Amino acid sequence: MATEHYQELLKLVQSFEKDFDKFYNARNKEAGVRLRKHMQTLREAARSIRDDVQTAKSTFPIKREDLSLRNAQRNPASKNPDQE
């Protein structure tokens, strides 16, 4: 799934390379309009990937260090044996 997202982003960026070149090098205004549309699509794809990453992160098992840190944050009055 992750490689699919990566490949999708690569294809998307490569798909608007011509408009990028036309706008910045040839000063073509119409290419600028298309480029902005492409960038909006890229933004939406990035948002979707960010949501997927956050969802996947929540399914990862908790590491022992993270668990002790989380417990320390929940119970600041209790002493951590590592700090003594």
PDB file of N, CA and C in Angstrom:
ATOM      1  N   MET A   1       0.826  -1.192   0.000  1.00  0.00           N
ATOM      2  CA  MET A   1       0.000   0.000   0.000  1.00  0.00           C
ATOM      3  C   MET A   1       0.868   1.252   0.000  1.00  0.00           C
ATOM      4  N   ALA A   2       1.930   1.260   0.791  1.00  0.00           N
ATOM      5  CA  ALA A   2       2.793   2.434   0.871  1.00  0.00           C
ATOM      6  C   ALA A   2       3.495   2.687  -0.453  1.00  0.00           C
ATOM      7  N   THR A   3       3.953   1.627  -1.094  1.00  0.00           N
ATOM      8  CA  THR A   3       4.632   1.822  -2.371  1.00  0.00           C
ATOM      9  C   THR A   3       3.656   2.300  -3.438  1.00  0.00           C
ATOM     10  N   GLU A   4       2.396   1.908  -3.318  1.00  0.00           N
ATOM     11  CA  GLU A   4       1.388   2.393  -4.261  1.00  0.00           C
ATOM     12  C   GLU A   4       1.220   3.903  -4.131  1.00  0.00           C
ATOM     13  N   HIS A   5       1.179   4.381  -2.900  1.00  0.00           N
ATOM     14  CA  HIS A   5       1.060   5.826  -2.679  1.00  0.00           C
ATOM     15  C   HIS A   5       2.278   6.560  -3.233  1.00  0.00           C
ATOM     16  N   TYR A   6       3.440   5.999  -3.004  1.00  0.00           N
ATOM     17  CA  TYR A   6       4.676   6.624  -3.480  1.00  0.00           C
ATOM     18  C   TYR A   6       4.683   6.686  -5.005  1.00  0.00           C
ATOM     19  N   GLN A   7       4.331   5.580  -5.651  1.00  0.00           N
ATOM     20  CA  GLN A   7       4.290   5.548  -7.112  1.00  0.00           C
ATOM     21  C   GLN A   7       3.245   6.521  -7.653  1.00  0.00           C
ATOM     22  N   GLU A   8       2.132   6.625  -6.965  1.00  0.00           N
ATOM     23  CA  GLU A   8       1.080   7.562  -7.371  1.00  0.00           C
ATOM     24  C   GLU A   8       1.602   9.002  -7.334  1.00  0.00           C
ATOM     25  N   LEU A   9       2.320   9.340  -6.268  1.00  0.00           N
ATOM     26  CA  LEU A   9       2.880  10.690  -6.165  1.00  0.00           C
ATOM     27  C   LEU A   9       3.908  10.951  -7.256  1.00  0.00           C
ATOM     28  N   LEU A  10       4.769   9.978  -7.519  1.00  0.00           N
ATOM     29  CA  LEU A  10       5.769  10.148  -8.574  1.00  0.00           C
ATOM     30  C   LEU A  10       5.117  10.385  -9.932  1.00  0.00           C
ATOM     31  N   LYS A  11       4.116   9.578 -10.255  1.00  0.00           N
ATOM     32  CA  LYS A  11       3.417   9.738 -11.532  1.00  0.00           C
ATOM     33  C   LYS A  11       2.737  11.098 -11.617  1.00  0.00           C
ATOM     34  N   LEU A  12       2.166  11.521 -10.517  1.00  0.00           N
ATOM     35  CA  LEU A  12       1.469  12.804 -10.491  1.00  0.00           C
ATOM     36  C   LEU A  12       2.440  13.955 -10.748  1.00  0.00           C
ATOM     37  N   VAL A  13       3.564  13.935 -10.072  1.00  0.00           N
ATOM     38  CA  VAL A  13       4.562  14.999 -10.249  1.00  0.00           C
ATOM     39  C   VAL A  13       5.114  14.970 -11.671  1.00  0.00           C
ATOM     40  N   GLN A  14       5.392  13.789 -12.186  1.00  0.00           N
ATOM     41  CA  GLN A  14       5.916  13.684 -13.544  1.00  0.00           C
ATOM     42  C   GLN A  14       4.889  14.127 -14.580  1.00  0.00           C
ATOM     43  N   SER A  15       3.614  13.970 -14.272  1.00  0.00           N
ATOM     44  CA  SER A  15       2.570  14.322 -15.233  1.00  0.00           C
ATOM     45  C   SER A  15       2.470  15.821 -15.479  1.00  0.00           C
ATOM     46  N   PHE A  16       2.891  16.629 -14.538  1.00  0.00           N
ATOM     47  CA  PHE A  16       2.809  18.067 -14.786  1.00  0.00           C
ATOM     48  C   PHE A  16       4.165  18.718 -14.988  1.00  0.00           C
ATOM     49  N   GLU A  17       5.161  17.938 -15.348  1.00  0.00           N
ATOM     50  CA  GLU A  17       6.494  18.476 -15.622  1.00  0.00           C
ATOM     51  C   GLU A  17       6.481  19.428 -16.821  1.00  0.00           C
ATOM     52  N   LYS A  18       5.738  19.078 -17.863  1.00  0.00           N
ATOM     53  CA  LYS A  18       5.689  19.929 -19.061  1.00  0.00           C
ATOM     54  C   LYS A  18       5.063  21.289 -18.750  1.00  0.00           C
ATOM     55  N   ASP A  19       3.962  21.277 -18.000  1.00  0.00           N
ATOM     56  CA  ASP A  19       3.318  22.545 -17.649  1.00  0.00           C
ATOM     57  C   ASP A  19       4.217  23.380 -16.745  1.00  0.00           C
ATOM     58  N   PHE A  20       4.948  22.732 -15.869  1.00  0.00           N
ATOM     59  CA  PHE A  20       5.891  23.431 -14.996  1.00  0.00           C
ATOM     60  C   PHE A  20       6.944  24.151 -15.840  1.00  0.00           C
ATOM     61  N   ASP A  21       7.483  23.426 -16.808  1.00  0.00           N
ATOM     62  CA  ASP A  21       8.500  23.995 -17.692  1.00  0.00           C
ATOM     63  C   ASP A  21       7.917  25.114 -18.556  1.00  0.00           C
ATOM     64  N   LYS A  22       6.728  24.896 -19.101  1.00  0.00           N
ATOM     65  CA  LYS A  22       6.105  25.918 -19.952  1.00  0.00           C
ATOM     66  C   LYS A  22       5.822  27.200 -19.174  1.00  0.00           C
ATOM     67  N   PHE A  23       5.391  27.055 -17.935  1.00  0.00           N
ATOM     68  CA  PHE A  23       5.058  28.244 -17.160  1.00  0.00           C
ATOM     69  C   PHE A  23       6.311  29.009 -16.754  1.00  0.00           C
ATOM     70  N   TYR A  24       7.276  28.326 -16.174  1.00  0.00           N
ATOM     71  CA  TYR A  24       8.444  29.025 -15.641  1.00  0.00           C
ATOM     72  C   TYR A  24       9.471  29.407 -16.696  1.00  0.00           C
ATOM     73  N   ASN A  25       9.608  28.616 -17.743  1.00  0.00           N
ATOM     74  CA  ASN A  25      10.628  28.920 -18.752  1.00  0.00           C
ATOM     75  C   ASN A  25      10.063  29.651 -19.962  1.00  0.00           C
ATOM     76  N   ALA A  26       8.869  29.266 -20.421  1.00  0.00           N
ATOM     77  CA  ALA A  26       8.289  29.895 -21.606  1.00  0.00           C
ATOM     78  C   ALA A  26       7.300  30.996 -21.246  1.00  0.00           C
ATOM     79  N   ARG A  27       7.037  31.187 -19.947  1.00  0.00           N
ATOM     80  CA  ARG A  27       6.117  32.227 -19.461  1.00  0.00           C
ATOM     81  C   ARG A  27       4.715  32.086 -20.048  1.00  0.00           C
ATOM     82  N   ASN A  28       4.236  30.842 -20.131  1.00  0.00           N
ATOM     83  CA  ASN A  28       2.923  30.543 -20.677  1.00  0.00           C
ATOM     84  C   ASN A  28       1.901  30.596 -19.541  1.00  0.00           C
ATOM     85  N   LYS A  29       0.989  31.575 -19.592  1.00  0.00           N
ATOM     86  CA  LYS A  29       0.013  31.763 -18.515  1.00  0.00           C
ATOM     87  C   LYS A  29      -0.964  30.598 -18.399  1.00  0.00           C
ATOM     88  N   GLU A  30      -1.372  30.034 -19.520  1.00  0.00           N
ATOM     89  CA  GLU A  30      -2.307  28.909 -19.479  1.00  0.00           C
ATOM     90  C   GLU A  30      -1.680  27.707 -18.778  1.00  0.00           C
ATOM     91  N   ALA A  31      -0.392  27.518 -18.977  1.00  0.00           N
ATOM     92  CA  ALA A  31       0.308  26.430 -18.290  1.00  0.00           C
ATOM     93  C   ALA A  31       0.313  26.684 -16.788  1.00  0.00           C
ATOM     94  N   GLY A  32       0.333  27.945 -16.393  1.00  0.00           N
ATOM     95  CA  GLY A  32       0.267  28.288 -14.973  1.00  0.00           C
ATOM     96  C   GLY A  32      -1.060  27.886 -14.357  1.00  0.00           C
ATOM     97  N   VAL A  33      -2.145  28.062 -15.112  1.00  0.00           N
ATOM     98  CA  VAL A  33      -3.470  27.648 -14.629  1.00  0.00           C
ATOM     99  C   VAL A  33      -3.498  26.131 -14.453  1.00  0.00           C
ATOM    100  N   ARG A  34      -2.987  25.417 -15.444  1.00  0.00           N
ATOM    101  CA  ARG A  34      -2.947  23.952 -15.350  1.00  0.00           C
ATOM    102  C   ARG A  34      -2.045  23.506 -14.203  1.00  0.00           C
ATOM    103  N   LEU A  35      -0.946  24.198 -14.023  1.00  0.00           N
ATOM    104  CA  LEU A  35      -0.007  23.856 -12.952  1.00  0.00           C
ATOM    105  C   LEU A  35      -0.659  24.009 -11.584  1.00  0.00           C
ATOM    106  N   ARG A  36      -1.426  25.068 -11.407  1.00  0.00           N
ATOM    107  CA  ARG A  36      -2.131  25.259 -10.130  1.00  0.00           C
ATOM    108  C   ARG A  36      -3.143  24.132  -9.892  1.00  0.00           C
ATOM    109  N   LYS A  37      -3.815  23.692 -10.941  1.00  0.00           N
ATOM    110  CA  LYS A  37      -4.754  22.572 -10.807  1.00  0.00           C
ATOM    111  C   LYS A  37      -4.015  21.293 -10.422  1.00  0.00           C
ATOM    112  N   HIS A  38      -2.866  21.076 -11.065  1.00  0.00           N
ATOM    113  CA  HIS A  38      -2.055  19.899 -10.728  1.00  0.00           C
ATOM    114  C   HIS A  38      -1.601  19.951  -9.268  1.00  0.00           C
ATOM    115  N   MET A  39      -1.203  21.125  -8.820  1.00  0.00           N
ATOM    116  CA  MET A  39      -0.728  21.264  -7.443  1.00  0.00           C
ATOM    117  C   MET A  39      -1.860  21.020  -6.449  1.00  0.00           C
ATOM    118  N   GLN A  40      -3.070  21.397  -6.798  1.00  0.00           N
ATOM    119  CA  GLN A  40      -4.216  21.121  -5.927  1.00  0.00           C
ATOM    120  C   GLN A  40      -4.455  19.615  -5.831  1.00  0.00           C
ATOM    121  N   THR A  41      -4.328  18.928  -6.951  1.00  0.00           N
ATOM    122  CA  THR A  41      -4.470  17.470  -6.950  1.00  0.00           C
ATOM    123  C   THR A  41      -3.383  16.829  -6.099  1.00  0.00           C
ATOM    124  N   LEU A  42      -2.169  17.349  -6.210  1.00  0.00           N
ATOM    125  CA  LEU A  42      -1.054  16.852  -5.401  1.00  0.00           C
ATOM    126  C   LEU A  42      -1.330  17.072  -3.918  1.00  0.00           C
ATOM    127  N   ARG A  43      -1.871  18.217  -3.600  1.00  0.00           N
ATOM    128  CA  ARG A  43      -2.205  18.533  -2.206  1.00  0.00           C
ATOM    129  C   ARG A  43      -3.228  17.545  -1.648  1.00  0.00           C
ATOM    130  N   GLU A  44      -4.250  17.246  -2.446  1.00  0.00           N
ATOM    131  CA  GLU A  44      -5.284  16.300  -2.013  1.00  0.00           C
ATOM    132  C   GLU A  44      -4.714  14.897  -1.843  1.00  0.00           C
ATOM    133  N   ALA A  45      -3.824  14.497  -2.748  1.00  0.00           N
ATOM    134  CA  ALA A  45      -3.194  13.178  -2.636  1.00  0.00           C
ATOM    135  C   ALA A  45      -2.322  13.113  -1.390  1.00  0.00           C
ATOM    136  N   ALA A  46      -1.604  14.189  -1.113  1.00  0.00           N
ATOM    137  CA  ALA A  46      -0.751  14.230   0.079  1.00  0.00           C
ATOM    138  C   ALA A  46      -1.598  14.156   1.344  1.00  0.00           C
ATOM    139  N   ARG A  47      -2.710  14.831   1.362  1.00  0.00           N
ATOM    140  CA  ARG A  47      -3.601  14.787   2.533  1.00  0.00           C
ATOM    141  C   ARG A  47      -4.115  13.363   2.756  1.00  0.00           C
ATOM    142  N   SER A  48      -4.471  12.688   1.685  1.00  0.00           N
ATOM    143  CA  SER A  48      -4.941  11.311   1.793  1.00  0.00           C
ATOM    144  C   SER A  48      -3.851  10.403   2.358  1.00  0.00           C
ATOM    145  N   ILE A  49      -2.639  10.588   1.895  1.00  0.00           N
ATOM    146  CA  ILE A  49      -1.523   9.782   2.392  1.00  0.00           C
ATOM    147  C   ILE A  49      -1.256  10.094   3.853  1.00  0.00           C
ATOM    148  N   ARG A  50      -1.321  11.359   4.225  1.00  0.00           N
ATOM    149  CA  ARG A  50      -1.121  11.730   5.636  1.00  0.00           C
ATOM    150  C   ARG A  50      -2.160  11.056   6.523  1.00  0.00           C
ATOM    151  N   ASP A  51      -3.401  11.026   6.081  1.00  0.00           N
ATOM    152  CA  ASP A  51      -4.457  10.358   6.847  1.00  0.00           C
ATOM    153  C   ASP A  51      -4.170   8.863   6.981  1.00  0.00           C
ATOM    154  N   ASP A  52      -3.723   8.242   5.880  1.00  0.00           N
ATOM    155  CA  ASP A  52      -3.388   6.818   5.920  1.00  0.00           C
ATOM    156  C   ASP A  52      -2.228   6.540   6.872  1.00  0.00           C
ATOM    157  N   VAL A  53      -1.233   7.420   6.866  1.00  0.00           N
ATOM    158  CA  VAL A  53      -0.087   7.256   7.764  1.00  0.00           C
ATOM    159  C   VAL A  53      -0.547   7.339   9.211  1.00  0.00           C
ATOM    160  N   GLN A  54      -1.386   8.299   9.514  1.00  0.00           N
ATOM    161  CA  GLN A  54      -1.867   8.458  10.886  1.00  0.00           C
ATOM    162  C   GLN A  54      -2.670   7.237  11.324  1.00  0.00           C
ATOM    163  N   THR A  55      -3.496   6.718  10.439  1.00  0.00           N
ATOM    164  CA  THR A  55      -4.279   5.528  10.753  1.00  0.00           C
ATOM    165  C   THR A  55      -3.362   4.327  10.980  1.00  0.00           C
ATOM    166  N   ALA A  56      -2.376   4.161  10.117  1.00  0.00           N
ATOM    167  CA  ALA A  56      -1.443   3.040  10.255  1.00  0.00           C
ATOM    168  C   ALA A  56      -0.628   3.159  11.534  1.00  0.00           C
ATOM    169  N   LYS A  57      -0.235   4.386  11.870  1.00  0.00           N
ATOM    170  CA  LYS A  57       0.546   4.603  13.089  1.00  0.00           C
ATOM    171  C   LYS A  57      -0.211   4.155  14.324  1.00  0.00           C
ATOM    172  N   SER A  58      -1.496   4.365  14.329  1.00  0.00           N
ATOM    173  CA  SER A  58      -2.291   4.011  15.503  1.00  0.00           C
ATOM    174  C   SER A  58      -2.420   2.502  15.675  1.00  0.00           C
ATOM    175  N   THR A  59      -2.122   1.735  14.633  1.00  0.00           N
ATOM    176  CA  THR A  59      -2.205   0.279  14.737  1.00  0.00           C
ATOM    177  C   THR A  59      -0.881  -0.361  15.119  1.00  0.00           C
ATOM    178  N   PHE A  60       0.201   0.410  15.125  1.00  0.00           N
ATOM    179  CA  PHE A  60       1.509  -0.143  15.486  1.00  0.00           C
ATOM    180  C   PHE A  60       1.524  -0.502  16.962  1.00  0.00           C
ATOM    181  N   PRO A  61       2.247  -1.554  17.332  1.00  0.00           N
ATOM    182  CA  PRO A  61       2.347  -1.885  18.759  1.00  0.00           C
ATOM    183  C   PRO A  61       3.127  -0.806  19.504  1.00  0.00           C
ATOM    184  N   ILE A  62       2.791  -0.633  20.760  1.00  0.00           N
ATOM    185  CA  ILE A  62       3.448   0.383  21.576  1.00  0.00           C
ATOM    186  C   ILE A  62       4.804  -0.146  22.023  1.00  0.00           C
ATOM    187  N   LYS A  63       5.840   0.667  21.858  1.00  0.00           N
ATOM    188  CA  LYS A  63       7.175   0.291  22.315  1.00  0.00           C
ATOM    189  C   LYS A  63       7.256   0.451  23.820  1.00  0.00           C
ATOM    190  N   ARG A  64       8.135  -0.274  24.416  1.00  0.00           N
ATOM    191  CA  ARG A  64       8.287  -0.246  25.867  1.00  0.00           C
ATOM    192  C   ARG A  64       8.663   1.163  26.352  1.00  0.00           C
ATOM    193  N   GLU A  65       9.577   1.847  25.635  1.00  0.00           N
ATOM    194  CA  GLU A  65       9.984   3.200  26.036  1.00  0.00           C
ATOM    195  C   GLU A  65       8.810   4.166  25.959  1.00  0.00           C
ATOM    196  N   ASP A  66       8.017   4.029  24.900  1.00  0.00           N
ATOM    197  CA  ASP A  66       6.859   4.902  24.731  1.00  0.00           C
ATOM    198  C   ASP A  66       5.838   4.682  25.839  1.00  0.00           C
ATOM    199  N   LEU A  67       5.684   3.437  26.239  1.00  0.00           N
ATOM    200  CA  LEU A  67       4.730   3.110  27.285  1.00  0.00           C
ATOM    201  C   LEU A  67       5.152   3.714  28.613  1.00  0.00           C
ATOM    202  N   SER A  68       6.445   3.619  28.948  1.00  0.00           N
ATOM    203  CA  SER A  68       6.904   4.189  30.215  1.00  0.00           C
ATOM    204  C   SER A  68       6.811   5.712  30.193  1.00  0.00           C
ATOM    205  N   LEU A  69       7.079   6.319  29.051  1.00  0.00           N
ATOM    206  CA  LEU A  69       6.954   7.771  28.923  1.00  0.00           C
ATOM    207  C   LEU A  69       5.495   8.185  29.062  1.00  0.00           C
ATOM    208  N   ARG A  70       4.608   7.444  28.437  1.00  0.00           N
ATOM    209  CA  ARG A  70       3.181   7.749  28.517  1.00  0.00           C
ATOM    210  C   ARG A  70       2.691   7.631  29.964  1.00  0.00           C
ATOM    211  N   ASN A  71       3.143   6.594  30.669  1.00  0.00           N
ATOM    212  CA  ASN A  71       2.750   6.420  32.069  1.00  0.00           C
ATOM    213  C   ASN A  71       3.292   7.556  32.932  1.00  0.00           C
ATOM    214  N   ALA A  72       4.500   7.997  32.664  1.00  0.00           N
ATOM    215  CA  ALA A  72       5.085   9.098  33.425  1.00  0.00           C
ATOM    216  C   ALA A  72       4.309  10.391  33.191  1.00  0.00           C
ATOM    217  N   GLN A  73       3.839  10.593  31.974  1.00  0.00           N
ATOM    218  CA  GLN A  73       3.069  11.798  31.675  1.00  0.00           C
ATOM    219  C   GLN A  73       1.700  11.755  32.339  1.00  0.00           C
ATOM    220  N   ARG A  74       1.136  10.578  32.443  1.00  0.00           N
ATOM    221  CA  ARG A  74      -0.176  10.451  33.080  1.00  0.00           C
ATOM    222  C   ARG A  74      -0.087  10.588  34.593  1.00  0.00           C
ATOM    223  N   ASN A  75       1.004  10.135  35.178  1.00  0.00           N
ATOM    224  CA  ASN A  75       1.187  10.146  36.632  1.00  0.00           C
ATOM    225  C   ASN A  75       2.447  10.922  37.000  1.00  0.00           C
ATOM    226  N   PRO A  76       2.438  12.236  36.873  1.00  0.00           N
ATOM    227  CA  PRO A  76       3.659  13.005  37.146  1.00  0.00           C
ATOM    228  C   PRO A  76       4.083  12.945  38.611  1.00  0.00           C
ATOM    229  N   ALA A  77       3.178  12.646  39.524  1.00  0.00           N
ATOM    230  CA  ALA A  77       3.526  12.596  40.942  1.00  0.00           C
ATOM    231  C   ALA A  77       4.303  11.332  41.279  1.00  0.00           C
ATOM    232  N   SER A  78       4.079  10.259  40.541  1.00  0.00           N
ATOM    233  CA  SER A  78       4.801   9.021  40.836  1.00  0.00           C
ATOM    234  C   SER A  78       6.225   9.118  40.317  1.00  0.00           C
ATOM    235  N   LYS A  79       7.143   8.513  41.043  1.00  0.00           N
ATOM    236  CA  LYS A  79       8.556   8.579  40.682  1.00  0.00           C
ATOM    237  C   LYS A  79       8.880   7.498  39.667  1.00  0.00           C
ATOM    238  N   ASN A  80       9.741   7.839  38.751  1.00  0.00           N
ATOM    239  CA  ASN A  80      10.224   6.901  37.763  1.00  0.00           C
ATOM    240  C   ASN A  80      11.461   6.227  38.339  1.00  0.00           C
ATOM    241  N   PRO A  81      11.546   4.899  38.399  1.00  0.00           N
ATOM    242  CA  PRO A  81      12.699   4.227  38.992  1.00  0.00           C
ATOM    243  C   PRO A  81      13.998   4.532  38.257  1.00  0.00           C
ATOM    244  N   ASP A  82      13.936   4.903  36.993  1.00  0.00           N
ATOM    245  CA  ASP A  82      15.147   5.233  36.246  1.00  0.00           C
ATOM    246  C   ASP A  82      15.729   6.573  36.670  1.00  0.00           C
ATOM    247  N   GLN A  83      14.949   7.439  37.273  1.00  0.00           N
ATOM    248  CA  GLN A  83      15.412   8.774  37.639  1.00  0.00           C
ATOM    249  C   GLN A  83      16.018   8.824  39.026  1.00  0.00           C
ATOM    250  N   GLU A  84      15.916   7.782  39.809  1.00  0.00           N
ATOM    251  CA  GLU A  84      16.443   7.792  41.179  1.00  0.00           C
ATOM    252  C   GLU A  84      17.918   7.578  41.196  1.00  0.00           C
TER     253      GLU A  84
END
